[in-house]
Amino acid sequence: MNANELTTEIKELNLTYLMLARQMVHADKDMAIFRLGISKDIAEILAVLTPGQILKMSNSNMMLCRIRFDDNLVFGMLANYGKEKMMAQSHAAILMAGQPVEEIC
């Protein structure tokens, strides 16, 4: 994959993420905050973004979302495909809920 293709993929990811995040915030703000790992302030900003603003923001060549697998334990739990898959996912959700949310700097 060359640099232009990578940039295009990042822009598409940004657009998809922002549209999904905005939809989640409109449907249930508290659940969106929890599932996206964002602060209340960011959720409020997402709620009022216009489609044009989302399109403009998504045009960045930097990813606007962040993978929250900073913890090997959480990553291992989510990747567990054994018999206890549901339990592992529940434990991972509990651990991720305890992580601090992202803030606007």
N, C-alpha and C. Protein backbone atom coordinates (compact mmCIF):
# COMPACT_ATOMS: atom_id res chain seq x y z
N MET A 1 0.86 -1.17 0.00
CA MET A 1 0.00 0.00 0.00
C MET A 1 0.91 1.23 0.00
N ASN A 2 0.69 2.12 -0.95
CA ASN A 2 1.51 3.31 -1.02
C ASN A 2 0.92 4.42 -0.13
N ALA A 3 1.62 5.53 -0.05
CA ALA A 3 1.23 6.62 0.85
C ALA A 3 -0.14 7.21 0.49
N ASN A 4 -0.43 7.35 -0.80
CA ASN A 4 -1.72 7.91 -1.22
C ASN A 4 -2.87 6.99 -0.83
N GLU A 5 -2.68 5.69 -1.01
CA GLU A 5 -3.72 4.74 -0.63
C GLU A 5 -3.94 4.75 0.88
N LEU A 6 -2.84 4.82 1.63
CA LEU A 6 -2.93 4.86 3.08
C LEU A 6 -3.68 6.11 3.54
N THR A 7 -3.38 7.24 2.96
CA THR A 7 -4.07 8.48 3.31
C THR A 7 -5.55 8.39 3.00
N THR A 8 -5.89 7.82 1.86
CA THR A 8 -7.30 7.64 1.49
C THR A 8 -8.02 6.75 2.49
N GLU A 9 -7.37 5.66 2.90
CA GLU A 9 -7.97 4.74 3.87
C GLU A 9 -8.18 5.43 5.22
N ILE A 10 -7.23 6.23 5.64
CA ILE A 10 -7.36 6.96 6.91
C ILE A 10 -8.52 7.94 6.84
N LYS A 11 -8.66 8.64 5.73
CA LYS A 11 -9.77 9.59 5.57
C LYS A 11 -11.12 8.87 5.61
N GLU A 12 -11.20 7.70 4.99
CA GLU A 12 -12.45 6.93 5.02
C GLU A 12 -12.74 6.43 6.43
N LEU A 13 -11.71 6.00 7.13
CA LEU A 13 -11.87 5.58 8.52
C LEU A 13 -12.36 6.73 9.38
N ASN A 14 -11.77 7.91 9.21
CA ASN A 14 -12.19 9.08 9.96
C ASN A 14 -13.66 9.40 9.72
N LEU A 15 -14.07 9.38 8.46
CA LEU A 15 -15.46 9.69 8.13
C LEU A 15 -16.41 8.67 8.76
N THR A 16 -16.08 7.40 8.62
CA THR A 16 -16.92 6.35 9.18
C THR A 16 -17.00 6.48 10.70
N TYR A 17 -15.86 6.71 11.34
CA TYR A 17 -15.82 6.85 12.80
C TYR A 17 -16.65 8.03 13.27
N LEU A 18 -16.46 9.18 12.65
CA LEU A 18 -17.20 10.37 13.08
C LEU A 18 -18.70 10.21 12.88
N MET A 19 -19.10 9.61 11.76
CA MET A 19 -20.53 9.40 11.52
C MET A 19 -21.11 8.42 12.54
N LEU A 20 -20.40 7.35 12.82
CA LEU A 20 -20.87 6.38 13.81
C LEU A 20 -20.90 7.00 15.20
N ALA A 21 -19.85 7.71 15.57
CA ALA A 21 -19.79 8.32 16.90
C ALA A 21 -20.93 9.32 17.09
N ARG A 22 -21.19 10.13 16.08
CA ARG A 22 -22.28 11.10 16.17
C ARG A 22 -23.63 10.39 16.33
N GLN A 23 -23.83 9.33 15.56
CA GLN A 23 -25.07 8.56 15.64
C GLN A 23 -25.21 7.93 17.03
N MET A 24 -24.12 7.40 17.58
CA MET A 24 -24.16 6.79 18.91
C MET A 24 -24.48 7.83 19.98
N VAL A 25 -23.90 9.01 19.86
CA VAL A 25 -24.16 10.08 20.84
C VAL A 25 -25.62 10.50 20.79
N HIS A 26 -26.19 10.59 19.60
CA HIS A 26 -27.60 10.96 19.48
C HIS A 26 -28.52 9.88 20.04
N ALA A 27 -28.14 8.62 19.86
CA ALA A 27 -28.98 7.52 20.33
C ALA A 27 -28.93 7.37 21.85
N ASP A 28 -27.73 7.43 22.44
CA ASP A 28 -27.57 7.25 23.88
C ASP A 28 -26.21 7.82 24.28
N LYS A 29 -26.21 9.05 24.77
CA LYS A 29 -24.96 9.75 25.05
C LYS A 29 -24.09 9.01 26.07
N ASP A 30 -24.69 8.53 27.15
CA ASP A 30 -23.90 7.86 28.18
C ASP A 30 -23.25 6.58 27.66
N MET A 31 -23.99 5.81 26.89
CA MET A 31 -23.44 4.58 26.33
C MET A 31 -22.34 4.91 25.31
N ALA A 32 -22.53 5.96 24.53
CA ALA A 32 -21.51 6.37 23.55
C ALA A 32 -20.22 6.78 24.26
N ILE A 33 -20.36 7.51 25.34
CA ILE A 33 -19.18 7.93 26.11
C ILE A 33 -18.42 6.70 26.59
N PHE A 34 -19.15 5.72 27.10
CA PHE A 34 -18.53 4.50 27.59
C PHE A 34 -17.89 3.70 26.46
N ARG A 35 -18.64 3.44 25.41
CA ARG A 35 -18.14 2.57 24.33
C ARG A 35 -17.03 3.22 23.51
N LEU A 36 -17.11 4.52 23.31
CA LEU A 36 -16.08 5.21 22.52
C LEU A 36 -14.88 5.63 23.35
N GLY A 37 -15.04 5.66 24.67
CA GLY A 37 -13.94 6.09 25.54
C GLY A 37 -13.65 7.57 25.40
N ILE A 38 -14.71 8.36 25.26
CA ILE A 38 -14.55 9.81 25.08
C ILE A 38 -15.11 10.53 26.30
N SER A 39 -14.78 11.79 26.43
CA SER A 39 -15.30 12.59 27.53
C SER A 39 -16.68 13.14 27.17
N LYS A 40 -17.35 13.66 28.18
CA LYS A 40 -18.66 14.27 27.98
C LYS A 40 -18.54 15.48 27.05
N ASP A 41 -17.45 16.24 27.19
CA ASP A 41 -17.23 17.41 26.34
C ASP A 41 -17.12 17.03 24.86
N ILE A 42 -16.39 15.96 24.59
CA ILE A 42 -16.25 15.52 23.20
C ILE A 42 -17.59 15.01 22.68
N ALA A 43 -18.34 14.30 23.52
CA ALA A 43 -19.66 13.81 23.11
C ALA A 43 -20.58 14.98 22.76
N GLU A 44 -20.52 16.05 23.52
CA GLU A 44 -21.36 17.21 23.24
C GLU A 44 -20.95 17.89 21.93
N ILE A 45 -19.66 17.91 21.64
CA ILE A 45 -19.20 18.47 20.36
C ILE A 45 -19.67 17.60 19.21
N LEU A 46 -19.53 16.28 19.35
CA LEU A 46 -19.98 15.36 18.30
C LEU A 46 -21.47 15.52 18.02
N ALA A 47 -22.24 15.77 19.06
CA ALA A 47 -23.70 15.87 18.91
C ALA A 47 -24.13 17.04 18.04
N VAL A 48 -23.33 18.09 18.00
CA VAL A 48 -23.75 19.29 17.26
C VAL A 48 -23.02 19.47 15.93
N LEU A 49 -22.15 18.53 15.58
CA LEU A 49 -21.44 18.65 14.30
C LEU A 49 -22.42 18.51 13.14
N THR A 50 -22.26 19.35 12.14
CA THR A 50 -23.06 19.24 10.93
C THR A 50 -22.38 18.23 9.99
N PRO A 51 -23.11 17.70 9.02
CA PRO A 51 -22.47 16.80 8.06
C PRO A 51 -21.27 17.44 7.36
N GLY A 52 -21.35 18.72 7.06
CA GLY A 52 -20.23 19.42 6.43
C GLY A 52 -19.02 19.47 7.34
N GLN A 53 -19.24 19.70 8.62
CA GLN A 53 -18.13 19.74 9.57
C GLN A 53 -17.50 18.36 9.72
N ILE A 54 -18.33 17.33 9.73
CA ILE A 54 -17.81 15.96 9.82
C ILE A 54 -16.96 15.65 8.59
N LEU A 55 -17.44 16.02 7.43
CA LEU A 55 -16.69 15.78 6.20
C LEU A 55 -15.36 16.52 6.22
N LYS A 56 -15.38 17.77 6.67
CA LYS A 56 -14.15 18.57 6.73
C LYS A 56 -13.16 17.97 7.72
N MET A 57 -13.65 17.56 8.91
CA MET A 57 -12.77 16.97 9.91
C MET A 57 -12.18 15.65 9.44
N SER A 58 -12.98 14.86 8.74
CA SER A 58 -12.53 13.54 8.31
C SER A 58 -11.46 13.61 7.24
N ASN A 59 -11.30 14.75 6.62
CA ASN A 59 -10.35 14.92 5.53
C ASN A 59 -8.90 15.01 6.02
N SER A 60 -8.68 14.81 7.30
CA SER A 60 -7.34 14.84 7.86
C SER A 60 -6.58 13.56 7.49
N ASN A 61 -5.28 13.65 7.37
CA ASN A 61 -4.49 12.46 7.09
C ASN A 61 -4.01 11.78 8.37
N MET A 62 -4.53 12.23 9.52
CA MET A 62 -4.23 11.62 10.81
C MET A 62 -5.49 10.96 11.35
N MET A 63 -5.34 9.77 11.91
CA MET A 63 -6.51 9.07 12.45
C MET A 63 -7.10 9.86 13.62
N LEU A 64 -8.43 10.01 13.58
CA LEU A 64 -9.12 10.75 14.63
C LEU A 64 -9.60 9.84 15.76
N CYS A 65 -9.59 8.55 15.53
CA CYS A 65 -9.95 7.62 16.59
C CYS A 65 -8.67 6.95 17.09
N ARG A 66 -8.79 6.32 18.25
CA ARG A 66 -7.62 5.68 18.85
C ARG A 66 -7.99 4.27 19.27
N ILE A 67 -7.14 3.32 18.94
CA ILE A 67 -7.33 1.95 19.39
C ILE A 67 -6.95 1.91 20.87
N ARG A 68 -7.82 1.34 21.69
CA ARG A 68 -7.60 1.38 23.13
C ARG A 68 -7.00 0.09 23.67
N PHE A 69 -6.15 -0.55 22.90
CA PHE A 69 -5.52 -1.78 23.36
C PHE A 69 -4.13 -1.50 23.91
N ASP A 70 -4.03 -0.54 24.81
CA ASP A 70 -2.75 -0.20 25.42
C ASP A 70 -2.32 -1.27 26.41
N ASP A 71 -3.27 -2.03 26.87
CA ASP A 71 -3.02 -3.01 27.91
C ASP A 71 -3.00 -4.41 27.28
N ASN A 72 -1.90 -5.12 27.43
CA ASN A 72 -1.79 -6.47 26.86
C ASN A 72 -2.86 -7.40 27.41
N LEU A 73 -3.22 -7.23 28.67
CA LEU A 73 -4.23 -8.07 29.28
C LEU A 73 -5.58 -7.90 28.58
N VAL A 74 -5.98 -6.65 28.34
CA VAL A 74 -7.24 -6.38 27.66
C VAL A 74 -7.20 -6.93 26.24
N PHE A 75 -6.11 -6.70 25.54
CA PHE A 75 -5.99 -7.20 24.17
C PHE A 75 -6.09 -8.72 24.13
N GLY A 76 -5.41 -9.36 25.07
CA GLY A 76 -5.46 -10.81 25.14
C GLY A 76 -6.86 -11.33 25.42
N MET A 77 -7.58 -10.64 26.29
CA MET A 77 -8.95 -11.05 26.61
C MET A 77 -9.87 -10.92 25.39
N LEU A 78 -9.73 -9.82 24.67
CA LEU A 78 -10.58 -9.61 23.50
C LEU A 78 -10.25 -10.58 22.37
N ALA A 79 -9.01 -11.00 22.30
CA ALA A 79 -8.60 -11.91 21.24
C ALA A 79 -8.83 -13.38 21.62
N ASN A 80 -9.28 -13.63 22.84
CA ASN A 80 -9.49 -15.00 23.32
C ASN A 80 -10.67 -15.62 22.59
N TYR A 81 -10.39 -16.73 21.91
CA TYR A 81 -11.45 -17.41 21.16
C TYR A 81 -11.83 -18.74 21.80
N GLY A 82 -11.53 -18.90 23.07
CA GLY A 82 -11.84 -20.14 23.77
C GLY A 82 -13.30 -20.23 24.20
N LYS A 83 -13.58 -21.21 25.03
CA LYS A 83 -14.93 -21.45 25.51
C LYS A 83 -15.47 -20.29 26.34
N GLU A 84 -14.60 -19.56 26.97
CA GLU A 84 -15.01 -18.48 27.88
C GLU A 84 -15.00 -17.12 27.18
N LYS A 85 -15.32 -17.09 25.90
CA LYS A 85 -15.24 -15.85 25.12
C LYS A 85 -16.10 -14.74 25.71
N MET A 86 -17.34 -15.05 26.07
CA MET A 86 -18.23 -14.02 26.60
C MET A 86 -17.70 -13.48 27.93
N MET A 87 -17.17 -14.34 28.77
CA MET A 87 -16.63 -13.91 30.05
C MET A 87 -15.39 -13.04 29.84
N ALA A 88 -14.54 -13.43 28.90
CA ALA A 88 -13.34 -12.65 28.61
C ALA A 88 -13.71 -11.27 28.09
N GLN A 89 -14.72 -11.18 27.22
CA GLN A 89 -15.15 -9.88 26.71
C GLN A 89 -15.73 -9.02 27.82
N SER A 90 -16.45 -9.62 28.75
CA SER A 90 -17.01 -8.88 29.88
C SER A 90 -15.90 -8.34 30.77
N HIS A 91 -14.90 -9.17 31.05
CA HIS A 91 -13.77 -8.71 31.87
C HIS A 91 -13.01 -7.59 31.17
N ALA A 92 -12.83 -7.71 29.85
CA ALA A 92 -12.14 -6.67 29.10
C ALA A 92 -12.93 -5.36 29.15
N ALA A 93 -14.24 -5.44 29.02
CA ALA A 93 -15.08 -4.23 29.09
C ALA A 93 -14.95 -3.56 30.45
N ILE A 94 -14.90 -4.35 31.50
CA ILE A 94 -14.75 -3.79 32.85
C ILE A 94 -13.41 -3.09 32.99
N LEU A 95 -12.34 -3.73 32.49
CA LEU A 95 -11.01 -3.10 32.57
C LEU A 95 -10.95 -1.82 31.75
N MET A 96 -11.54 -1.83 30.55
CA MET A 96 -11.49 -0.64 29.70
C MET A 96 -12.34 0.48 30.29
N ALA A 97 -13.41 0.15 31.01
CA ALA A 97 -14.24 1.17 31.63
C ALA A 97 -13.48 1.94 32.70
N GLY A 98 -12.48 1.31 33.27
CA GLY A 98 -11.69 1.97 34.30
C GLY A 98 -10.60 2.86 33.76
N GLN A 99 -10.37 2.83 32.45
CA GLN A 99 -9.35 3.68 31.85
C GLN A 99 -9.85 5.10 31.73
N PRO A 100 -8.96 6.09 31.85
CA PRO A 100 -9.41 7.49 31.70
C PRO A 100 -9.84 7.77 30.28
N VAL A 101 -10.81 8.68 30.12
CA VAL A 101 -11.30 9.05 28.80
C VAL A 101 -10.35 10.04 28.16
N GLU A 102 -10.44 10.16 26.85
CA GLU A 102 -9.65 11.13 26.11
C GLU A 102 -10.22 12.52 26.36
N GLU A 103 -9.36 13.50 26.46
CA GLU A 103 -9.79 14.87 26.65
C GLU A 103 -9.25 15.74 25.54
N ILE A 104 -9.95 16.83 25.30
CA ILE A 104 -9.48 17.81 24.32
C ILE A 104 -8.39 18.64 24.97
N CYS A 105 -7.25 18.71 24.31
CA CYS A 105 -6.13 19.48 24.86
C CYS A 105 -6.17 20.89 24.38
